[in-house]
């Protein structure tokens, strides 16, 4: 079991194996996914950031959630996953929302 006094490193063999397995599970379904591994502090642990170009990031999380819970609970490893969309998709969504907000409201006629 890891504690806050334990040096948490992404190259710890158990953590590296867990991260590798989570990446593999995501890539099987989303081969275009990209990944970044980093040390985080809230909570303290090793984070896997997965960037996937999909409408709903919950679909990606559904692929790994059971295994992630096993890693965290059964193995006691401080491994966390953050799902993100590519910047181009986020920018396109923001432009779309901005256009929707600028549409004029229909004329209001009180009764």
C-alpha atoms as a PDB file:
ATOM      1  CA  UNK A   1       0.000   0.000   0.000  1.00  0.00           C
ATOM      2  CA  UNK A   2       1.301   3.436  -0.896  1.00  0.00           C
ATOM      3  CA  UNK A   3       1.296   6.268   1.611  1.00  0.00           C
ATOM      4  CA  UNK A   4       1.988   9.959   1.192  1.00  0.00           C
ATOM      5  CA  UNK A   5       5.504   9.407   2.537  1.00  0.00           C
ATOM      6  CA  UNK A   6       6.223   6.840  -0.185  1.00  0.00           C
ATOM      7  CA  UNK A   7       7.884   8.291  -3.263  1.00  0.00           C
ATOM      8  CA  UNK A   8       5.275   7.795  -5.944  1.00  0.00           C
ATOM      9  CA  UNK A   9       6.935   7.321  -9.306  1.00  0.00           C
ATOM     10  CA  UNK A  10       5.398   6.491 -12.685  1.00  0.00           C
ATOM     11  CA  UNK A  11       8.193   3.994 -13.310  1.00  0.00           C
ATOM     12  CA  UNK A  12       7.348   1.914 -10.217  1.00  0.00           C
ATOM     13  CA  UNK A  13       6.780  -1.531 -11.800  1.00  0.00           C
ATOM     14  CA  UNK A  14       3.250  -1.961 -10.424  1.00  0.00           C
ATOM     15  CA  UNK A  15       2.182   1.537 -11.422  1.00  0.00           C
ATOM     16  CA  UNK A  16       3.826   1.243 -14.847  1.00  0.00           C
ATOM     17  CA  UNK A  17       2.001  -2.061 -15.439  1.00  0.00           C
ATOM     18  CA  UNK A  18      -1.353  -0.557 -14.404  1.00  0.00           C
ATOM     19  CA  UNK A  19      -0.829   2.508 -16.622  1.00  0.00           C
ATOM     20  CA  UNK A  20       0.201   0.264 -19.524  1.00  0.00           C
ATOM     21  CA  UNK A  21      -2.895  -1.870 -19.143  1.00  0.00           C
ATOM     22  CA  UNK A  22      -5.216   1.144 -18.988  1.00  0.00           C
ATOM     23  CA  UNK A  23      -3.592   2.581 -22.127  1.00  0.00           C
ATOM     24  CA  UNK A  24      -3.980  -0.755 -23.910  1.00  0.00           C
ATOM     25  CA  UNK A  25      -7.677  -0.983 -23.009  1.00  0.00           C
ATOM     26  CA  UNK A  26      -8.332   2.512 -24.333  1.00  0.00           C
ATOM     27  CA  UNK A  27      -6.270   1.997 -27.498  1.00  0.00           C
ATOM     28  CA  UNK A  28      -8.125  -1.226 -28.332  1.00  0.00           C
ATOM     29  CA  UNK A  29     -11.326   0.783 -28.686  1.00  0.00           C
ATOM     30  CA  UNK A  30      -9.870   4.192 -29.584  1.00  0.00           C
ATOM     31  CA  UNK A  31      -6.609   3.638 -31.503  1.00  0.00           C
ATOM     32  CA  UNK A  32      -6.148   7.363 -32.122  1.00  0.00           C
ATOM     33  CA  UNK A  33      -5.999   8.134 -28.380  1.00  0.00           C
ATOM     34  CA  UNK A  34      -2.951   9.928 -27.054  1.00  0.00           C
ATOM     35  CA  UNK A  35      -1.602   9.794 -23.517  1.00  0.00           C
ATOM     36  CA  UNK A  36       0.394  11.775 -20.996  1.00  0.00           C
ATOM     37  CA  UNK A  37       1.514  10.405 -17.638  1.00  0.00           C
ATOM     38  CA  UNK A  38       2.274  12.813 -14.801  1.00  0.00           C
ATOM     39  CA  UNK A  39       2.469  13.066 -11.028  1.00  0.00           C
ATOM     40  CA  UNK A  40      -0.468  14.907  -9.476  1.00  0.00           C
ATOM     41  CA  UNK A  41      -1.327  16.140  -6.013  1.00  0.00           C
ATOM     42  CA  UNK A  42      -5.095  16.235  -5.672  1.00  0.00           C
ATOM     43  CA  UNK A  43      -5.164  13.421  -4.768  1.00  0.00           C
ATOM     44  CA  UNK A  44      -1.496  12.533  -4.648  1.00  0.00           C
ATOM     45  CA  UNK A  45      -0.727   9.908  -7.274  1.00  0.00           C
ATOM     46  CA  UNK A  46       0.131   9.133 -10.863  1.00  0.00           C
ATOM     47  CA  UNK A  47      -2.264  10.416 -13.499  1.00  0.00           C
ATOM     48  CA  UNK A  48      -2.916   9.123 -16.976  1.00  0.00           C
ATOM     49  CA  UNK A  49      -4.355  11.844 -19.219  1.00  0.00           C
ATOM     50  CA  UNK A  50      -6.091  10.304 -22.214  1.00  0.00           C
ATOM     51  CA  UNK A  51      -7.026  12.557 -25.114  1.00  0.00           C
ATOM     52  CA  UNK A  52      -9.679  11.052 -27.362  1.00  0.00           C
ATOM     53  CA  UNK A  53     -11.693  12.702 -30.134  1.00  0.00           C
ATOM     54  CA  UNK A  54     -15.197  11.560 -29.168  1.00  0.00           C
ATOM     55  CA  UNK A  55     -18.477  13.305 -28.404  1.00  0.00           C
ATOM     56  CA  UNK A  56     -18.876  11.761 -24.957  1.00  0.00           C
ATOM     57  CA  UNK A  57     -15.828  11.053 -22.793  1.00  0.00           C
ATOM     58  CA  UNK A  58     -17.962   8.828 -20.572  1.00  0.00           C
ATOM     59  CA  UNK A  59     -17.871   6.280 -23.406  1.00  0.00           C
ATOM     60  CA  UNK A  60     -14.094   6.097 -23.029  1.00  0.00           C
ATOM     61  CA  UNK A  61     -14.272   5.869 -19.241  1.00  0.00           C
ATOM     62  CA  UNK A  62     -16.751   2.992 -19.569  1.00  0.00           C
ATOM     63  CA  UNK A  63     -13.985   0.993 -21.280  1.00  0.00           C
ATOM     64  CA  UNK A  64     -11.656   1.170 -18.272  1.00  0.00           C
ATOM     65  CA  UNK A  65     -13.706   1.908 -15.166  1.00  0.00           C
ATOM     66  CA  UNK A  66     -13.856  -1.660 -13.844  1.00  0.00           C
ATOM     67  CA  UNK A  67     -10.121  -2.141 -14.239  1.00  0.00           C
ATOM     68  CA  UNK A  68      -9.366   1.308 -12.787  1.00  0.00           C
ATOM     69  CA  UNK A  69     -11.374   0.473  -9.666  1.00  0.00           C
ATOM     70  CA  UNK A  70      -9.439  -2.792  -9.317  1.00  0.00           C
ATOM     71  CA  UNK A  71      -6.154  -0.897  -9.615  1.00  0.00           C
ATOM     72  CA  UNK A  72      -7.173   1.679  -7.017  1.00  0.00           C
ATOM     73  CA  UNK A  73      -9.069  -0.495  -4.544  1.00  0.00           C
ATOM     74  CA  UNK A  74      -7.777  -4.051  -4.886  1.00  0.00           C
ATOM     75  CA  UNK A  75      -4.152  -3.184  -5.621  1.00  0.00           C
ATOM     76  CA  UNK A  76      -4.122   0.025  -3.584  1.00  0.00           C
ATOM     77  CA  UNK A  77      -2.311   1.951  -6.302  1.00  0.00           C
ATOM     78  CA  UNK A  78      -2.657   5.741  -6.539  1.00  0.00           C
ATOM     79  CA  UNK A  79      -3.462   5.751 -10.259  1.00  0.00           C
ATOM     80  CA  UNK A  80      -6.032   8.155 -11.695  1.00  0.00           C
ATOM     81  CA  UNK A  81      -7.331   8.795 -15.200  1.00  0.00           C
ATOM     82  CA  UNK A  82      -8.284  12.159 -16.679  1.00  0.00           C
ATOM     83  CA  UNK A  83     -10.185  12.164 -19.970  1.00  0.00           C
ATOM     84  CA  UNK A  84      -9.875  15.093 -22.353  1.00  0.00           C
ATOM     85  CA  UNK A  85     -10.889  15.962 -25.882  1.00  0.00           C
ATOM     86  CA  UNK A  86      -8.467  17.447 -28.420  1.00  0.00           C
ATOM     87  CA  UNK A  87      -8.183  21.243 -28.383  1.00  0.00           C
ATOM     88  CA  UNK A  88      -9.615  21.487 -31.927  1.00  0.00           C
ATOM     89  CA  UNK A  89     -12.815  19.709 -30.819  1.00  0.00           C
ATOM     90  CA  UNK A  90     -13.169  21.911 -27.740  1.00  0.00           C
ATOM     91  CA  UNK A  91     -12.636  25.043 -29.850  1.00  0.00           C
ATOM     92  CA  UNK A  92     -15.234  23.900 -32.400  1.00  0.00           C
ATOM     93  CA  UNK A  93     -17.743  23.205 -29.611  1.00  0.00           C
ATOM     94  CA  UNK A  94     -17.146  26.669 -28.122  1.00  0.00           C
ATOM     95  CA  UNK A  95     -17.657  28.333 -31.528  1.00  0.00           C
ATOM     96  CA  UNK A  96     -20.879  26.368 -32.004  1.00  0.00           C
ATOM     97  CA  UNK A  97     -22.175  27.431 -28.575  1.00  0.00           C
ATOM     98  CA  UNK A  98     -21.265  31.061 -29.233  1.00  0.00           C
ATOM     99  CA  UNK A  99     -23.250  31.013 -32.502  1.00  0.00           C
ATOM    100  CA  UNK A 100     -26.248  29.506 -30.717  1.00  0.00           C
ATOM    101  CA  UNK A 101     -26.174  32.262 -28.082  1.00  0.00           C
ATOM    102  CA  UNK A 102     -26.066  35.050 -30.653  1.00  0.00           C
ATOM    103  CA  UNK A 103     -29.214  33.982 -32.464  1.00  0.00           C
ATOM    104  CA  UNK A 104     -31.884  36.642 -32.033  1.00  0.00           C
ATOM    105  CA  UNK A 105     -34.836  35.771 -29.884  1.00  0.00           C
ATOM    106  CA  UNK A 106     -38.215  35.664 -31.622  1.00  0.00           C
ATOM    107  CA  UNK A 107     -40.350  38.749 -31.178  1.00  0.00           C
ATOM    108  CA  UNK A 108     -42.257  38.633 -27.939  1.00  0.00           C
ATOM    109  CA  UNK A 109     -45.871  39.639 -28.116  1.00  0.00           C
ATOM    110  CA  UNK A 110     -47.566  39.956 -24.712  1.00  0.00           C
ATOM    111  CA  UNK A 111     -51.142  38.729 -24.496  1.00  0.00           C
END
